[in-house]
C-alpha atoms as a PDB file:
ATOM      1  CA  MET A   1     157.913 117.602  51.669  1.00  0.00           C
ATOM      2  CA  TYR A   2     155.382 116.613  49.009  1.00  0.00           C
ATOM      3  CA  VAL A   3     153.122 113.583  48.751  1.00  0.00           C
ATOM      4  CA  ASP A   4     150.153 113.364  46.400  1.00  0.00           C
ATOM      5  CA  ASP A   5     146.666 112.508  47.614  1.00  0.00           C
ATOM      6  CA  ALA A   6     146.581 108.981  46.214  1.00  0.00           C
ATOM      7  CA  ASP A   7     149.847 108.033  47.920  1.00  0.00           C
ATOM      8  CA  LEU A   8     148.799 109.624  51.206  1.00  0.00           C
ATOM      9  CA  GLU A   9     145.449 107.841  51.195  1.00  0.00           C
ATOM     10  CA  LEU A  10     147.142 104.508  50.532  1.00  0.00           C
ATOM     11  CA  LEU A  11     149.807 105.028  53.198  1.00  0.00           C
ATOM     12  CA  LEU A  12     147.137 105.737  55.789  1.00  0.00           C
ATOM     13  CA  LEU A  13     144.863 102.930  54.617  1.00  0.00           C
ATOM     14  CA  ILE A  14     147.671 100.430  55.214  1.00  0.00           C
ATOM     15  CA  ARG A  15     148.604 102.034  58.558  1.00  0.00           C
ATOM     16  CA  HIS A  16     145.072 101.894  59.970  1.00  0.00           C
ATOM     17  CA  PHE A  17     144.326  98.472  58.501  1.00  0.00           C
ATOM     18  CA  GLU A  18     147.360  97.053  60.296  1.00  0.00           C
ATOM     19  CA  ARG A  19     146.561  98.791  63.563  1.00  0.00           C
ATOM     20  CA  LYS A  20     143.016  97.486  63.421  1.00  0.00           C
ATOM     21  CA  LEU A  21     144.243  93.924  62.903  1.00  0.00           C
ATOM     22  CA  LEU A  22     146.254  94.126  66.124  1.00  0.00           C
ATOM     23  CA  GLU A  23     143.186  95.462  67.929  1.00  0.00           C
ATOM     24  CA  LEU A  24     141.028  92.621  66.601  1.00  0.00           C
ATOM     25  CA  PHE A  25     143.567  90.022  67.721  1.00  0.00           C
ATOM     26  CA  GLU A  26     143.793  91.602  71.163  1.00  0.00           C
ATOM     27  CA  ALA A  27     139.995  91.494  71.408  1.00  0.00           C
ATOM     28  CA  GLY A  28     139.995  87.779  70.529  1.00  0.00           C
ATOM     29  CA  GLN A  29     138.111  88.292  67.265  1.00  0.00           C
ATOM     30  CA  LEU A  30     140.802  86.740  65.036  1.00  0.00           C
ATOM     31  CA  ASN A  31     142.589  83.407  65.062  1.00  0.00           C
ATOM     32  CA  GLY A  32     146.060  82.324  63.979  1.00  0.00           C
ATOM     33  CA  THR A  33     148.706  84.987  63.683  1.00  0.00           C
ATOM     34  CA  THR A  34     149.547  88.117  61.732  1.00  0.00           C
ATOM     35  CA  HIS A  35     152.640  90.178  60.950  1.00  0.00           C
ATOM     36  CA  THR A  36     152.014  93.862  60.375  1.00  0.00           C
ATOM     37  CA  CYS A  37     154.151  96.205  58.296  1.00  0.00           C
ATOM     38  CA  LEU A  38     153.760  99.233  60.583  1.00  0.00           C
ATOM     39  CA  GLY A  39     156.568 101.654  59.739  1.00  0.00           C
ATOM     40  CA  GLN A  40     157.296 100.026  56.370  1.00  0.00           C
ATOM     41  CA  GLU A  41     154.146 101.078  54.500  1.00  0.00           C
ATOM     42  CA  TYR A  42     155.993 103.562  52.301  1.00  0.00           C
ATOM     43  CA  ILE A  43     157.967 100.802  50.544  1.00  0.00           C
ATOM     44  CA  PRO A  44     155.093  99.085  48.684  1.00  0.00           C
ATOM     45  CA  VAL A  45     153.449 102.470  48.138  1.00  0.00           C
ATOM     46  CA  ALA A  46     156.601 103.817  46.457  1.00  0.00           C
ATOM     47  CA  LEU A  47     156.920 100.673  44.348  1.00  0.00           C
ATOM     48  CA  ARG A  48     153.298 100.862  43.237  1.00  0.00           C
ATOM     49  CA  THR A  49     154.158 103.088  40.277  1.00  0.00           C
ATOM     50  CA  LEU A  50     157.297 101.128  39.341  1.00  0.00           C
ATOM     51  CA  LEU A  51     155.703  97.684  39.096  1.00  0.00           C
ATOM     52  CA  ALA A  52     153.452  96.895  36.135  1.00  0.00           C
ATOM     53  CA  GLU A  53     150.181  95.007  36.384  1.00  0.00           C
ATOM     54  CA  ALA A  54     151.705  92.169  34.352  1.00  0.00           C
ATOM     55  CA  ASP A  55     154.729  91.852  36.663  1.00  0.00           C
ATOM     56  CA  PHE A  56     154.756  88.960  39.112  1.00  0.00           C
ATOM     57  CA  VAL A  57     154.946  89.915  42.793  1.00  0.00           C
ATOM     58  CA  PHE A  58     156.013  87.438  45.471  1.00  0.00           C
ATOM     59  CA  SER A  59     155.308  88.629  48.991  1.00  0.00           C
ATOM     60  CA  ASN A  60     156.142  87.230  52.408  1.00  0.00           C
ATOM     61  CA  HIS A  61     154.692  86.834  55.903  1.00  0.00           C
ATOM     62  CA  ARG A  62     154.632  90.632  56.411  1.00  0.00           C
ATOM     63  CA  GLY A  63     152.695  91.248  53.228  1.00  0.00           C
ATOM     64  CA  HIS A  64     149.434  93.110  53.896  1.00  0.00           C
ATOM     65  CA  GLY A  65     150.933  96.374  52.650  1.00  0.00           C
ATOM     66  CA  HIS A  66     152.211  94.659  49.514  1.00  0.00           C
ATOM     67  CA  TYR A  67     148.724  93.319  48.787  1.00  0.00           C
ATOM     68  CA  LEU A  68     146.897  96.572  49.509  1.00  0.00           C
ATOM     69  CA  ALA A  69     149.334  98.620  47.414  1.00  0.00           C
ATOM     70  CA  ARG A  70     148.808  96.251  44.485  1.00  0.00           C
ATOM     71  CA  PHE A  71     145.054  95.721  44.652  1.00  0.00           C
ATOM     72  CA  GLY A  72     143.553  98.347  46.974  1.00  0.00           C
ATOM     73  CA  ASP A  73     141.237  95.657  48.340  1.00  0.00           C
ATOM     74  CA  PRO A  74     140.910  95.853  52.136  1.00  0.00           C
ATOM     75  CA  HIS A  75     137.544  94.076  52.087  1.00  0.00           C
ATOM     76  CA  GLY A  76     138.893  90.975  50.366  1.00  0.00           C
ATOM     77  CA  LEU A  77     142.027  90.876  52.505  1.00  0.00           C
ATOM     78  CA  LEU A  78     140.178  91.288  55.800  1.00  0.00           C
ATOM     79  CA  ALA A  79     137.620  88.690  54.735  1.00  0.00           C
ATOM     80  CA  GLU A  80     140.508  86.315  54.057  1.00  0.00           C
ATOM     81  CA  ILE A  81     141.993  86.930  57.499  1.00  0.00           C
ATOM     82  CA  MET A  82     138.582  86.625  59.202  1.00  0.00           C
ATOM     83  CA  GLY A  83     137.458  83.649  57.104  1.00  0.00           C
ATOM     84  CA  ARG A  84     134.385  85.455  55.778  1.00  0.00           C
ATOM     85  CA  GLU A  85     132.572  85.402  52.457  1.00  0.00           C
ATOM     86  CA  GLY A  86     134.324  87.405  49.762  1.00  0.00           C
ATOM     87  CA  ALA A  87     137.759  86.304  50.957  1.00  0.00           C
ATOM     88  CA  VAL A  88     140.558  86.443  48.384  1.00  0.00           C
ATOM     89  CA  CYS A  89     141.311  82.717  48.761  1.00  0.00           C
ATOM     90  CA  HIS A  90     137.998  81.652  50.287  1.00  0.00           C
ATOM     91  CA  GLY A  91     139.457  81.916  53.792  1.00  0.00           C
ATOM     92  CA  VAL A  92     141.960  79.062  53.472  1.00  0.00           C
ATOM     93  CA  GLY A  93     145.091  81.229  53.149  1.00  0.00           C
ATOM     94  CA  GLY A  94     144.629  83.584  56.072  1.00  0.00           C
ATOM     95  CA  SER A  95     147.030  86.411  56.750  1.00  0.00           C
ATOM     96  CA  GLN A  96     150.122  84.981  55.079  1.00  0.00           C
ATOM     97  CA  HIS A  97     149.252  82.698  52.154  1.00  0.00           C
ATOM     98  CA  ILE A  98     147.451  84.571  49.394  1.00  0.00           C
ATOM     99  CA  LEU A  99     147.215  83.903  45.665  1.00  0.00           C
ATOM    100  CA  ARG A 100     145.616  86.416  43.349  1.00  0.00           C
ATOM    101  CA  GLY A 101     146.522  86.583  39.688  1.00  0.00           C
ATOM    102  CA  ARG A 102     150.253  87.276  39.489  1.00  0.00           C
ATOM    103  CA  TYR A 103     150.569  87.889  43.230  1.00  0.00           C
ATOM    104  CA  LEU A 104     151.589  85.226  45.745  1.00  0.00           C
ATOM    105  CA  SER A 105     152.494  85.537  49.414  1.00  0.00           C
ATOM    106  CA  THR A 106     153.877  82.869  51.723  1.00  0.00           C
ATOM    107  CA  GLY A 107     154.856  82.580  55.354  1.00  0.00           C
ATOM    108  CA  VAL A 108     157.747  80.201  54.618  1.00  0.00           C
ATOM    109  CA  GLN A 109     161.049  82.080  54.799  1.00  0.00           C
ATOM    110  CA  GLY A 110     162.957  82.030  51.516  1.00  0.00           C
ATOM    111  CA  GLU A 111     160.358  79.941  49.694  1.00  0.00           C
ATOM    112  CA  SER A 112     159.495  82.628  47.146  1.00  0.00           C
ATOM    113  CA  MET A 113     163.031  83.246  45.871  1.00  0.00           C
ATOM    114  CA  PRO A 114     163.452  80.085  43.773  1.00  0.00           C
ATOM    115  CA  VAL A 115     159.860  80.372  42.543  1.00  0.00           C
ATOM    116  CA  ALA A 116     160.493  83.992  41.523  1.00  0.00           C
ATOM    117  CA  VAL A 117     163.663  82.992  39.661  1.00  0.00           C
ATOM    118  CA  GLY A 118     161.790  80.303  37.769  1.00  0.00           C
ATOM    119  CA  THR A 119     159.090  82.823  36.916  1.00  0.00           C
ATOM    120  CA  ALA A 120     161.693  85.345  35.750  1.00  0.00           C
ATOM    121  CA  LEU A 121     163.269  82.674  33.549  1.00  0.00           C
ATOM    122  CA  HIS A 122     159.857  82.024  32.000  1.00  0.00           C
ATOM    123  CA  LEU A 123     159.420  85.748  31.326  1.00  0.00           C
ATOM    124  CA  LYS A 124     162.852  85.893  29.689  1.00  0.00           C
ATOM    125  CA  ARG A 125     162.084  82.942  27.427  1.00  0.00           C
ATOM    126  CA  GLU A 126     158.806  84.598  26.438  1.00  0.00           C
ATOM    127  CA  GLY A 127     160.666  87.738  25.410  1.00  0.00           C
ATOM    128  CA  SER A 128     158.577  89.724  27.855  1.00  0.00           C
ATOM    129  CA  LYS A 129     159.565  93.065  29.366  1.00  0.00           C
ATOM    130  CA  ASN A 130     157.914  92.104  32.627  1.00  0.00           C
ATOM    131  CA  LEU A 131     159.786  91.079  35.751  1.00  0.00           C
ATOM    132  CA  ALA A 132     159.417  88.989  38.894  1.00  0.00           C
ATOM    133  CA  ALA A 133     159.638  91.021  42.097  1.00  0.00           C
ATOM    134  CA  VAL A 134     160.181  89.247  45.402  1.00  0.00           C
ATOM    135  CA  PHE A 135     160.024  90.784  48.889  1.00  0.00           C
ATOM    136  CA  LEU A 136     162.424  89.517  51.557  1.00  0.00           C
ATOM    137  CA  GLY A 137     163.299  90.570  55.077  1.00  0.00           C
ATOM    138  CA  ASP A 138     166.863  90.806  56.364  1.00  0.00           C
ATOM    139  CA  GLY A 139     166.319  87.623  58.393  1.00  0.00           C
ATOM    140  CA  THR A 140     165.557  85.612  55.259  1.00  0.00           C
ATOM    141  CA  TRP A 141     169.189  86.001  54.181  1.00  0.00           C
ATOM    142  CA  GLY A 142     169.948  83.144  56.536  1.00  0.00           C
ATOM    143  CA  GLU A 143     168.085  80.726  54.235  1.00  0.00           C
ATOM    144  CA  GLY A 144     170.068  78.633  51.759  1.00  0.00           C
ATOM    145  CA  SER A 145     167.327  78.842  49.145  1.00  0.00           C
ATOM    146  CA  VAL A 146     168.025  82.576  48.799  1.00  0.00           C
ATOM    147  CA  TYR A 147     171.612  81.926  47.693  1.00  0.00           C
ATOM    148  CA  GLU A 148     170.782  79.013  45.436  1.00  0.00           C
ATOM    149  CA  ALA A 149     168.150  81.162  43.727  1.00  0.00           C
ATOM    150  CA  LEU A 150     170.438  84.209  43.474  1.00  0.00           C
ATOM    151  CA  ASN A 151     173.137  82.014  41.945  1.00  0.00           C
ATOM    152  CA  MET A 152     170.752  80.796  39.251  1.00  0.00           C
ATOM    153  CA  ALA A 153     169.405  84.305  38.634  1.00  0.00           C
ATOM    154  CA  ALA A 154     172.935  85.579  38.024  1.00  0.00           C
ATOM    155  CA  LEU A 155     173.924  82.629  35.825  1.00  0.00           C
ATOM    156  CA  TRP A 156     170.788  82.831  33.721  1.00  0.00           C
ATOM    157  CA  GLN A 157     170.531  86.663  33.763  1.00  0.00           C
ATOM    158  CA  VAL A 158     166.818  86.776  34.437  1.00  0.00           C
ATOM    159  CA  PRO A 159     164.605  89.827  35.175  1.00  0.00           C
ATOM    160  CA  LEU A 160     164.475  89.367  38.943  1.00  0.00           C
ATOM    161  CA  LEU A 161     163.920  92.293  41.326  1.00  0.00           C
ATOM    162  CA  VAL A 162     164.767  91.400  44.929  1.00  0.00           C
ATOM    163  CA  LEU A 163     163.248  93.883  47.382  1.00  0.00           C
ATOM    164  CA  VAL A 164     164.820  93.626  50.835  1.00  0.00           C
ATOM    165  CA  GLU A 165     162.989  95.314  53.705  1.00  0.00           C
ATOM    166  CA  ASN A 166     165.844  95.526  56.201  1.00  0.00           C
ATOM    167  CA  ASN A 167     164.219  96.608  59.447  1.00  0.00           C
ATOM    168  CA  GLY A 168     167.220  95.670  61.548  1.00  0.00           C
ATOM    169  CA  ILE A 169     165.648  92.777  63.421  1.00  0.00           C
ATOM    170  CA  ALA A 170     164.864  89.184  62.474  1.00  0.00           C
ATOM    171  CA  GLN A 171     161.856  88.312  64.647  1.00  0.00           C
ATOM    172  CA  SER A 172     163.634  89.062  67.954  1.00  0.00           C
ATOM    173  CA  THR A 173     167.290  88.930  66.913  1.00  0.00           C
ATOM    174  CA  PRO A 174     169.089  92.140  65.863  1.00  0.00           C
ATOM    175  CA  THR A 175     170.425  91.838  62.335  1.00  0.00           C
ATOM    176  CA  GLY A 176     174.010  92.402  63.452  1.00  0.00           C
ATOM    177  CA  MET A 177     173.792  89.259  65.605  1.00  0.00           C
ATOM    178  CA  GLN A 178     172.528  86.962  62.844  1.00  0.00           C
ATOM    179  CA  LEU A 179     173.910  88.320  59.556  1.00  0.00           C
ATOM    180  CA  ALA A 180     177.661  88.288  58.896  1.00  0.00           C
ATOM    181  CA  GLY A 181     178.919  90.806  56.371  1.00  0.00           C
ATOM    182  CA  SER A 182     176.279  92.741  54.465  1.00  0.00           C
ATOM    183  CA  ILE A 183     173.470  92.157  52.009  1.00  0.00           C
ATOM    184  CA  ALA A 184     175.375  94.251  49.473  1.00  0.00           C
ATOM    185  CA  GLY A 185     178.408  92.011  49.895  1.00  0.00           C
ATOM    186  CA  ARG A 186     176.352  88.890  49.455  1.00  0.00           C
ATOM    187  CA  ALA A 187     174.793  90.199  46.250  1.00  0.00           C
ATOM    188  CA  ALA A 188     178.259  91.170  44.991  1.00  0.00           C
ATOM    189  CA  ALA A 189     179.504  87.635  45.576  1.00  0.00           C
ATOM    190  CA  PHE A 190     177.151  86.507  42.803  1.00  0.00           C
ATOM    191  CA  GLY A 191     177.883  89.498  40.586  1.00  0.00           C
ATOM    192  CA  VAL A 192     174.397  90.894  41.192  1.00  0.00           C
ATOM    193  CA  ARG A 193     173.826  94.636  41.313  1.00  0.00           C
ATOM    194  CA  HIS A 194     172.770  96.136  44.641  1.00  0.00           C
ATOM    195  CA  HIS A 195     171.046  99.450  45.335  1.00  0.00           C
ATOM    196  CA  LEU A 196     170.690 100.839  48.863  1.00  0.00           C
ATOM    197  CA  VAL A 197     167.687 103.060  49.663  1.00  0.00           C
ATOM    198  CA  ARG A 198     167.909 105.152  52.822  1.00  0.00           C
ATOM    199  CA  THR A 199     165.134 107.676  52.209  1.00  0.00           C
ATOM    200  CA  GLN A 200     161.426 107.329  53.013  1.00  0.00           C
ATOM    201  CA  ASP A 201     160.434 110.037  50.529  1.00  0.00           C
ATOM    202  CA  LEU A 202     158.260 108.449  47.830  1.00  0.00           C
ATOM    203  CA  ASP A 203     159.386 110.721  45.005  1.00  0.00           C
ATOM    204  CA  GLU A 204     163.051 110.223  45.883  1.00  0.00           C
ATOM    205  CA  ILE A 205     162.637 106.452  45.969  1.00  0.00           C
ATOM    206  CA  ARG A 206     160.914 106.440  42.593  1.00  0.00           C
ATOM    207  CA  ALA A 207     163.533 108.723  41.073  1.00  0.00           C
ATOM    208  CA  GLU A 208     166.335 106.504  42.427  1.00  0.00           C
ATOM    209  CA  LEU A 209     164.809 103.201  41.410  1.00  0.00           C
ATOM    210  CA  GLY A 210     163.090 104.110  38.164  1.00  0.00           C
ATOM    211  CA  PRO A 211     166.178 103.726  35.938  1.00  0.00           C
ATOM    212  CA  ALA A 212     167.403 100.695  37.897  1.00  0.00           C
ATOM    213  CA  VAL A 213     164.097  98.846  37.530  1.00  0.00           C
ATOM    214  CA  ALA A 214     163.924  99.795  33.842  1.00  0.00           C
ATOM    215  CA  ARG A 215     167.355  98.212  33.391  1.00  0.00           C
ATOM    216  CA  VAL A 216     166.077  94.945  34.875  1.00  0.00           C
ATOM    217  CA  ARG A 217     163.297  94.960  32.286  1.00  0.00           C
ATOM    218  CA  ASP A 218     165.519  95.940  29.364  1.00  0.00           C
ATOM    219  CA  THR A 219     168.574  93.772  30.024  1.00  0.00           C
ATOM    220  CA  GLY A 220     167.236  90.931  32.158  1.00  0.00           C
ATOM    221  CA  GLU A 221     169.893  91.568  34.794  1.00  0.00           C
ATOM    222  CA  PRO A 222     168.785  90.791  38.352  1.00  0.00           C
ATOM    223  CA  LEU A 223     168.877  93.547  40.962  1.00  0.00           C
ATOM    224  CA  VAL A 224     168.832  93.561  44.761  1.00  0.00           C
ATOM    225  CA  VAL A 225     167.281  96.686  46.285  1.00  0.00           C
ATOM    226  CA  GLU A 226     167.805  97.074  50.026  1.00  0.00           C
ATOM    227  CA  PHE A 227     165.573  99.441  51.989  1.00  0.00           C
ATOM    228  CA  LEU A 228     166.889 100.539  55.377  1.00  0.00           C
ATOM    229  CA  THR A 229     163.621 100.765  57.268  1.00  0.00           C
ATOM    230  CA  GLN A 230     162.107 100.187  60.697  1.00  0.00           C
ATOM    231  CA  ARG A 231     159.400  98.015  62.187  1.00  0.00           C
ATOM    232  CA  LEU A 232     157.174  99.894  64.637  1.00  0.00           C
ATOM    233  CA  GLY A 233     155.027  96.993  65.742  1.00  0.00           C
ATOM    234  CA  PRO A 234     155.818  93.540  67.122  1.00  0.00           C
ATOM    235  CA  HIS A 235     157.164  90.704  65.011  1.00  0.00           C
ATOM    236  CA  SER A 236     153.782  89.022  65.183  1.00  0.00           C
ATOM    237  CA  LYS A 237     150.732  90.156  67.090  1.00  0.00           C
ATOM    238  CA  GLY A 238     152.375  90.650  70.481  1.00  0.00           C
ATOM    239  CA  ASP A 239     155.950  89.394  70.698  1.00  0.00           C
ATOM    240  CA  ASP A 240     158.063  92.550  70.746  1.00  0.00           C
ATOM    241  CA  THR A 241     161.158  91.934  72.865  1.00  0.00           C
ATOM    242  CA  ARG A 242     162.919  95.198  72.012  1.00  0.00           C
ATOM    243  CA  PRO A 243     163.714  97.733  74.742  1.00  0.00           C
ATOM    244  CA  ALA A 244     161.235 100.605  74.912  1.00  0.00           C
ATOM    245  CA  GLU A 245     163.879 103.136  73.913  1.00  0.00           C
ATOM    246  CA  GLU A 246     164.616 101.184  70.729  1.00  0.00           C
ATOM    247  CA  VAL A 247     160.936 101.162  69.778  1.00  0.00           C
ATOM    248  CA  ASP A 248     160.746 104.902  70.532  1.00  0.00           C
ATOM    249  CA  LEU A 249     163.742 105.537  68.281  1.00  0.00           C
ATOM    250  CA  ALA A 250     162.054 103.654  65.440  1.00  0.00           C
ATOM    251  CA  ALA A 251     158.902 105.716  65.967  1.00  0.00           C
ATOM    252  CA  GLN A 252     160.900 108.933  65.718  1.00  0.00           C
ATOM    253  CA  ARG A 253     162.008 107.896  62.222  1.00  0.00           C
ATOM    254  CA  ASP A 254     158.473 107.046  61.134  1.00  0.00           C
ATOM    255  CA  TRP A 255     157.186 108.597  57.902  1.00  0.00           C
ATOM    256  CA  TYR A 256     153.929 109.458  59.682  1.00  0.00           C
ATOM    257  CA  ARG A 257     155.674 111.918  62.016  1.00  0.00           C
ATOM    258  CA  ARG A 258     157.454 113.586  59.127  1.00  0.00           C
ATOM    259  CA  TYR A 259     154.226 114.120  57.205  1.00  0.00           C
ATOM    260  CA  ALA A 260     152.425 115.271  60.367  1.00  0.00           C
ATOM    261  CA  ALA A 261     155.042 117.992  60.752  1.00  0.00           C
ATOM    262  CA  ALA A 262     155.196 118.942  57.061  1.00  0.00           C
ATOM    263  CA  ILE A 263     151.510 118.741  56.043  1.00  0.00           C
ATOM    264  CA  PRO A 264     149.486 118.631  59.283  1.00  0.00           C
ATOM    265  CA  ASP A 265     146.159 119.746  57.806  1.00  0.00           C
ATOM    266  CA  ARG A 266     146.201 117.372  54.824  1.00  0.00           C
ATOM    267  CA  LEU A 267     147.420 114.481  56.922  1.00  0.00           C
ATOM    268  CA  GLY A 268     144.830 115.144  59.612  1.00  0.00           C
ATOM    269  CA  LEU A 269     141.885 115.134  57.208  1.00  0.00           C
ATOM    270  CA  CYS A 270     143.108 112.097  55.327  1.00  0.00           C
ATOM    271  CA  ASP A 271     143.828 110.311  58.593  1.00  0.00           C
ATOM    272  CA  ILE A 272     140.252 110.807  59.768  1.00  0.00           C
ATOM    273  CA  ARG A 273     138.877 109.516  56.453  1.00  0.00           C
ATOM    274  CA  GLN A 274     140.997 106.378  56.441  1.00  0.00           C
ATOM    275  CA  ARG A 275     140.321 105.565  60.099  1.00  0.00           C
ATOM    276  CA  ALA A 276     136.592 105.793  59.394  1.00  0.00           C
ATOM    277  CA  PHE A 277     136.937 103.766  56.199  1.00  0.00           C
ATOM    278  CA  VAL A 278     138.798 100.943  57.941  1.00  0.00           C
ATOM    279  CA  GLU A 279     136.167 100.874  60.706  1.00  0.00           C
ATOM    280  CA  GLN A 280     133.511 100.619  58.014  1.00  0.00           C
ATOM    281  CA  VAL A 281     135.390  97.761  56.313  1.00  0.00           C
ATOM    282  CA  VAL A 282     135.653  95.859  59.601  1.00  0.00           C
ATOM    283  CA  HIS A 283     131.980  96.375  60.411  1.00  0.00           C
ATOM    284  CA  GLU A 284     130.857  95.208  56.972  1.00  0.00           C
ATOM    285  CA  VAL A 285     133.192  92.197  56.690  1.00  0.00           C
ATOM    286  CA  ALA A 286     132.566  90.974  60.255  1.00  0.00           C
ATOM    287  CA  ALA A 287     128.843  90.799  59.476  1.00  0.00           C
ATOM    288  CA  ARG A 288     129.360  88.424  56.547  1.00  0.00           C
ATOM    289  CA  PRO A 289     128.770  84.664  56.864  1.00  0.00           C
ATOM    290  CA  LEU A 290     131.775  82.401  57.257  1.00  0.00           C
ATOM    291  CA  SER A 291     133.503  81.404  54.042  1.00  0.00           C
ATOM    292  CA  LYS A 292     132.970  77.816  52.942  1.00  0.00           C
ATOM    293  CA  TRP A 293     135.372  75.425  51.232  1.00  0.00           C
ATOM    294  CA  ASP A 294     134.266  74.233  47.811  1.00  0.00           C
ATOM    295  CA  GLU A 295     135.798  73.296  44.468  1.00  0.00           C
ATOM    296  CA  ARG A 296     136.486  76.953  43.663  1.00  0.00           C
ATOM    297  CA  CYS A 297     139.172  76.948  46.337  1.00  0.00           C
ATOM    298  CA  LEU A 298     141.287  74.723  44.117  1.00  0.00           C
ATOM    299  CA  LEU A 299     141.410  77.334  41.340  1.00  0.00           C
ATOM    300  CA  PRO A 300     143.602  80.472  41.201  1.00  0.00           C
ATOM    301  CA  ASN A 301     141.729  83.687  41.927  1.00  0.00           C
ATOM    302  CA  VAL A 302     142.567  85.594  38.722  1.00  0.00           C
END
């Protein structure tokens, strides 16, 4: 099982960043809420090489991995969450609401879909080969805005890439109890292509999705990509209602265990480096003064 150094470093950066956030919340050093992507880190890492810098990326409430895979900026993200100087959005967006260039995250379920479709329509009218990629969870398929946006995307044939991180649970409700039918069936109802990804292997994901993403760029046809994944941590910072055996089963499928078995020495060394790096980031950012609101907060951070 192969993974290159850059991918491994990024996987472990996201893993230890997320773990540290939960520790900081538990210690009372952070306010508000946070939603970690523990167990799902491989998805944005795999997509890193498939998405261009000029593509638009719309993230969601569980978006730290999406941000770190795109920008590699743990200092700016942590400063945003802690409300310290150097924050991506001057500390007013927090964990969920971040704007940076062509990247936007939001904590409102389904909000990004219609915005992404409008953006994709703009790209089509420009004659661009760029696309709008939007991350959704399985629970967001209960929002009407998703279907209205998918309907328009299909009618207008816009370069929209819908990335569904299906971790099998919507906050505390198993997907089978809140989603009738399937995501594939719902995409088919609008005549939108659907691609199911079961593997966690980065090279396999890229090989599978490379031609499909290229087709979105070349033809302007929307595409729904569904990743069957798992969430290791709680929905938010401490509200995990799943039975212990279910959490253990998710942990057994974790990419980290597979790499630990396949490349123990490389993983171990990289793991130590990234743990130390994240500790260094926390120490440095926590020592900064609090971020202050001023007129710059009204301008996009580009």
